[in-house]
């Protein structure tokens, strides 16, 4: 199985409960035994962290960043004091 997206490629990703946002592929993850889909690490310029996502949840993007809404931060359970 081959990777559909390359490192550095802009992609669209829609987090659960969020808007479609522009991300960049940071890394193609190693193949997992009996995995149905490839995994990637992606990063948005507007976030300070990377996300692990499945290939089926991404699509190629050729639109400028200004056309995308702000992606809402992940909601974490539990309180940090």
N, C-alpha and C. Protein backbone atom coordinates (compact mmCIF):
# COMPACT_ATOMS: atom_id res chain seq x y z
N UNK A 1 0.84 -1.17 0.00
CA UNK A 1 0.00 0.00 0.00
C UNK A 1 0.89 1.25 0.00
N UNK A 2 0.54 2.22 -0.81
CA UNK A 2 1.33 3.44 -0.92
C UNK A 2 0.63 4.59 -0.21
N UNK A 3 1.42 5.56 0.23
CA UNK A 3 0.87 6.76 0.86
C UNK A 3 0.23 7.65 -0.21
N UNK A 4 -0.89 8.25 0.12
CA UNK A 4 -1.59 9.15 -0.79
C UNK A 4 -1.04 10.57 -0.69
N UNK A 5 -0.55 10.96 0.50
CA UNK A 5 -0.06 12.32 0.74
C UNK A 5 1.43 12.30 1.09
N UNK A 6 2.13 13.37 0.73
CA UNK A 6 3.57 13.47 0.99
C UNK A 6 3.84 14.46 2.12
N UNK A 7 5.00 14.34 2.73
CA UNK A 7 5.41 15.26 3.79
C UNK A 7 5.51 16.67 3.20
N UNK A 8 4.92 17.63 3.89
CA UNK A 8 4.91 19.02 3.44
C UNK A 8 3.68 19.40 2.62
N UNK A 9 2.87 18.42 2.26
CA UNK A 9 1.69 18.67 1.43
C UNK A 9 0.57 19.29 2.27
N UNK A 10 -0.09 20.34 1.76
CA UNK A 10 -1.25 20.88 2.47
C UNK A 10 -2.46 19.97 2.29
N UNK A 11 -3.17 19.74 3.39
CA UNK A 11 -4.35 18.87 3.37
C UNK A 11 -5.47 19.50 4.18
N UNK A 12 -6.69 19.08 3.88
CA UNK A 12 -7.85 19.49 4.64
C UNK A 12 -8.18 18.40 5.64
N UNK A 13 -8.55 18.81 6.86
CA UNK A 13 -8.95 17.88 7.90
C UNK A 13 -10.08 18.51 8.69
N UNK A 14 -11.10 17.71 9.03
CA UNK A 14 -12.22 18.20 9.82
C UNK A 14 -12.26 17.47 11.15
N UNK A 15 -11.81 18.12 12.23
CA UNK A 15 -11.89 17.51 13.55
C UNK A 15 -13.34 17.26 13.94
N UNK A 16 -13.57 16.28 14.79
CA UNK A 16 -14.93 15.99 15.27
C UNK A 16 -15.49 17.24 15.95
N UNK A 17 -16.64 17.68 15.49
CA UNK A 17 -17.29 18.84 16.07
C UNK A 17 -16.68 20.17 15.66
N UNK A 18 -15.78 20.16 14.70
CA UNK A 18 -15.12 21.39 14.28
C UNK A 18 -15.33 21.69 12.81
N UNK A 19 -14.67 22.73 12.35
CA UNK A 19 -14.73 23.12 10.95
C UNK A 19 -13.55 22.52 10.18
N UNK A 20 -13.71 22.43 8.88
CA UNK A 20 -12.60 21.97 8.04
C UNK A 20 -11.48 22.99 8.14
N UNK A 21 -10.26 22.50 8.36
CA UNK A 21 -9.11 23.39 8.49
C UNK A 21 -7.98 22.96 7.59
N UNK A 22 -7.03 23.85 7.39
CA UNK A 22 -5.86 23.58 6.58
C UNK A 22 -4.72 23.10 7.48
N UNK A 23 -4.15 21.97 7.14
CA UNK A 23 -3.05 21.37 7.88
C UNK A 23 -1.94 21.01 6.91
N UNK A 24 -0.76 20.72 7.43
CA UNK A 24 0.37 20.26 6.63
C UNK A 24 0.78 18.89 7.12
N UNK A 25 1.07 17.98 6.20
CA UNK A 25 1.54 16.66 6.57
C UNK A 25 2.96 16.81 7.12
N UNK A 26 3.17 16.36 8.35
CA UNK A 26 4.47 16.45 9.01
C UNK A 26 5.24 15.13 8.87
N UNK A 27 4.48 14.02 8.90
CA UNK A 27 5.15 12.71 8.86
C UNK A 27 4.18 11.63 8.38
N UNK A 28 4.71 10.70 7.62
CA UNK A 28 3.97 9.49 7.26
C UNK A 28 4.31 8.46 8.33
N UNK A 29 3.31 7.95 9.03
CA UNK A 29 3.54 7.04 10.13
C UNK A 29 3.84 5.63 9.62
N UNK A 30 4.63 4.85 10.37
CA UNK A 30 4.95 3.47 9.96
C UNK A 30 3.70 2.63 9.80
N UNK A 31 3.76 1.69 8.89
CA UNK A 31 2.64 0.79 8.66
C UNK A 31 2.41 -0.09 9.88
N UNK A 32 1.16 -0.26 10.25
CA UNK A 32 0.80 -1.12 11.38
C UNK A 32 0.29 -2.45 10.86
N UNK A 33 0.55 -3.50 11.58
CA UNK A 33 0.13 -4.84 11.20
C UNK A 33 -1.39 -4.88 11.04
N UNK A 34 -1.84 -5.34 9.91
CA UNK A 34 -3.27 -5.47 9.58
C UNK A 34 -4.04 -4.16 9.61
N UNK A 35 -3.39 -3.05 9.45
CA UNK A 35 -4.08 -1.77 9.41
C UNK A 35 -4.84 -1.63 8.10
N UNK A 36 -6.02 -1.06 8.16
CA UNK A 36 -6.84 -0.87 6.98
C UNK A 36 -6.46 0.42 6.26
N UNK A 37 -5.98 1.40 7.00
CA UNK A 37 -5.67 2.71 6.43
C UNK A 37 -4.32 3.21 6.94
N UNK A 38 -3.69 4.05 6.16
CA UNK A 38 -2.42 4.68 6.56
C UNK A 38 -2.69 5.79 7.56
N UNK A 39 -1.67 6.11 8.36
CA UNK A 39 -1.77 7.20 9.34
C UNK A 39 -0.72 8.27 9.04
N UNK A 40 -1.07 9.50 9.43
CA UNK A 40 -0.19 10.65 9.23
C UNK A 40 -0.17 11.49 10.50
N UNK A 41 0.90 12.27 10.64
CA UNK A 41 0.93 13.34 11.65
C UNK A 41 0.77 14.62 10.86
N UNK A 42 -0.18 15.46 11.30
CA UNK A 42 -0.43 16.72 10.63
C UNK A 42 -0.35 17.86 11.63
N UNK A 43 -0.13 19.07 11.12
CA UNK A 43 0.01 20.24 11.99
C UNK A 43 -0.63 21.43 11.30
N UNK A 44 -1.31 22.23 12.11
CA UNK A 44 -1.86 23.50 11.64
C UNK A 44 -0.95 24.62 12.13
N UNK A 45 -0.82 25.66 11.34
CA UNK A 45 -0.03 26.83 11.74
C UNK A 45 -0.67 27.52 12.95
N UNK A 46 -1.96 27.27 13.17
CA UNK A 46 -2.70 27.94 14.25
C UNK A 46 -2.70 27.17 15.55
N UNK A 47 -2.08 25.99 15.57
CA UNK A 47 -2.05 25.15 16.78
C UNK A 47 -0.61 24.88 17.19
N UNK A 48 -0.42 24.58 18.47
CA UNK A 48 0.93 24.32 18.99
C UNK A 48 1.21 22.84 19.16
N UNK A 49 0.43 21.99 18.51
CA UNK A 49 0.60 20.55 18.65
C UNK A 49 0.31 19.87 17.31
N UNK A 50 0.70 18.61 17.19
CA UNK A 50 0.44 17.82 16.00
C UNK A 50 -0.69 16.84 16.29
N UNK A 51 -1.34 16.37 15.24
CA UNK A 51 -2.43 15.42 15.36
C UNK A 51 -2.07 14.15 14.58
N UNK A 52 -2.51 13.00 15.08
CA UNK A 52 -2.42 11.73 14.35
C UNK A 52 -3.77 11.50 13.70
N UNK A 53 -3.78 11.30 12.38
CA UNK A 53 -5.05 11.11 11.67
C UNK A 53 -4.92 9.99 10.65
N UNK A 54 -6.07 9.45 10.26
CA UNK A 54 -6.12 8.43 9.23
C UNK A 54 -6.18 9.08 7.85
N UNK A 55 -5.65 8.38 6.87
CA UNK A 55 -5.64 8.89 5.50
C UNK A 55 -7.05 9.17 4.99
N UNK A 56 -8.02 8.34 5.37
CA UNK A 56 -9.40 8.51 4.91
C UNK A 56 -10.04 9.79 5.43
N UNK A 57 -9.46 10.41 6.46
CA UNK A 57 -10.00 11.64 7.02
C UNK A 57 -9.38 12.90 6.41
N UNK A 58 -8.48 12.73 5.45
CA UNK A 58 -7.79 13.85 4.82
C UNK A 58 -8.18 13.97 3.36
N UNK A 59 -8.05 15.18 2.83
CA UNK A 59 -8.19 15.41 1.40
C UNK A 59 -7.18 16.47 0.99
N UNK A 60 -6.72 16.39 -0.24
CA UNK A 60 -5.72 17.34 -0.74
C UNK A 60 -6.33 18.74 -0.78
N UNK A 61 -5.51 19.76 -0.60
CA UNK A 61 -5.98 21.14 -0.61
C UNK A 61 -5.14 21.97 -1.56
N UNK A 62 -5.81 22.81 -2.33
CA UNK A 62 -5.09 23.76 -3.17
C UNK A 62 -5.63 25.17 -2.95
N UNK A 63 -6.43 25.35 -1.88
CA UNK A 63 -7.00 26.65 -1.54
C UNK A 63 -6.05 27.42 -0.63
N UNK A 64 -6.09 28.75 -0.67
CA UNK A 64 -5.27 29.53 0.27
C UNK A 64 -5.78 29.40 1.70
N UNK A 65 -4.90 29.57 2.66
CA UNK A 65 -5.26 29.41 4.08
C UNK A 65 -6.38 30.34 4.51
N UNK A 66 -6.47 31.50 3.90
CA UNK A 66 -7.48 32.49 4.31
C UNK A 66 -8.90 32.02 4.04
N UNK A 67 -9.10 30.98 3.24
CA UNK A 67 -10.45 30.50 2.95
C UNK A 67 -10.98 29.55 4.03
N UNK A 68 -10.13 29.16 4.97
CA UNK A 68 -10.52 28.21 6.02
C UNK A 68 -10.90 28.91 7.30
N UNK A 69 -11.85 28.33 8.03
CA UNK A 69 -12.24 28.84 9.34
C UNK A 69 -11.18 28.46 10.36
N UNK A 70 -11.21 29.11 11.50
CA UNK A 70 -10.31 28.76 12.60
C UNK A 70 -10.76 27.42 13.16
N UNK A 71 -9.82 26.50 13.33
CA UNK A 71 -10.12 25.19 13.91
C UNK A 71 -10.17 25.35 15.42
N UNK A 72 -11.26 24.88 16.01
CA UNK A 72 -11.40 24.97 17.46
C UNK A 72 -10.43 24.02 18.14
N UNK A 73 -9.87 24.40 19.29
CA UNK A 73 -8.96 23.52 20.00
C UNK A 73 -9.67 22.27 20.48
N UNK A 74 -8.90 21.21 20.68
CA UNK A 74 -9.45 19.97 21.20
C UNK A 74 -10.01 20.19 22.59
N UNK A 75 -11.11 19.54 22.90
CA UNK A 75 -11.67 19.61 24.25
C UNK A 75 -11.13 18.43 25.02
N UNK A 76 -10.46 18.70 26.09
CA UNK A 76 -9.87 17.65 26.93
C UNK A 76 -10.77 17.45 28.15
N UNK A 77 -10.88 16.21 28.58
CA UNK A 77 -11.65 15.90 29.79
C UNK A 77 -10.72 15.98 30.99
N UNK A 78 -11.27 16.39 32.11
CA UNK A 78 -10.49 16.51 33.33
C UNK A 78 -9.95 17.92 33.47
N UNK A 79 -9.69 18.31 34.69
CA UNK A 79 -9.21 19.67 34.95
C UNK A 79 -7.74 19.64 35.31
N UNK A 80 -7.04 20.65 34.88
CA UNK A 80 -5.63 20.82 35.25
C UNK A 80 -5.52 22.07 36.10
N UNK A 81 -4.98 21.94 37.26
CA UNK A 81 -4.86 23.08 38.17
C UNK A 81 -3.42 23.46 38.34
